[in-house]
Amino acid sequence: MLTPRPVFRFAPSPNGRLHLGHAYSALLNQHRAREAGGHLLLRIEDIDQTRCNRSLGEAAIDDLHWLGLRFDGAVRWQSEHLAEYHAAQKRLTEAGLTYPCSCTRKDLAALPPSPADPEGQPLYPGTCRSTGPRPGLPASLRLAMDRAAGGRALTMTEKGRVLPVDPAVWGDVVIARKDIGTSYHIAVCVDDALQGVSHVVRGTDLFAATSIHRLVQDILGLPEPHYHHHDLIRHDTGRKLAKSQGDRSLADLRAAGVTAADIRRQLGFS
């Protein structure tokens, strides 16, 4: 019996032009896929239509091709698959693991700063869980963490090591935002399963969120990928690169005469 070839994916969000951090992650995925004799997929994570748009997605694809990356199969645009994410959320709701929350940004900003989740945001105190959402207001969907995670001994495989994970540190996390109807957590788990992704190579900024993903995968009976969270490419000040901070995009570097070979050498992929 033939062993299936490993499947890797690069999955940027088109909310700005790609920068060196994106280039490093894409090239590392390509390197790992080649080492493993596997496939490399491209997914455009554009569920947030208030910040993402098609033209930025197409520009990202152009930047990646300029770098010399080639992908297997068709590009998957998340905005074309919302029904699949809604179906997964429905399963969680039918299992009694979610509740609607109408709390506004102002309500959340008024919460005391401690305790906090891994990103430093105040843990949601479960207001709407006990009182129900306020009538007439749009509602997000939160995971009732005690019911969802209770009794589950969850682990993740990180760079070949099996590590315990505890999604409870996130509290009743939002798994469907009120403005877009779903969330990154749901979409990424559904997509990785549907695309047969066996290896997830991404930045350390998503390491803590993997505990949420492992919980969703376990509840929905989705396969567990192997994870590799890599260091981030950072500015001289130590912060991670971001277009919003004025960091030069790949398009800026291209316009200044920097070549794809230059970028690859700079990032250690000569």
Foldseek 3Di string as FASTA:
>chain_A
DDDAQAEEEQEEELLDFAALQSVLLQVVSVVVSVVRVHFYAYEHEHLPVVRHDDVSVVNNVVLCVQLVDDGPDDYHYLNVPVVLLVVLVVVCVVVVFKAWEQDDPVNQVPDDQPPAAPVSGHADPCPCVVVNYDPPGQTFMWTQQCVLCPPDFFWAAEPNDTGTADPCSNHRHTQQDRVRGGDPLSSVLSVCQVVVHQEYEEAPVCVNVVSSNRSSCVVVVGDHHHYYHDYGDPDPVRHGDDVVVVDDHSVNCVVVPQHSVNSCVVSPND
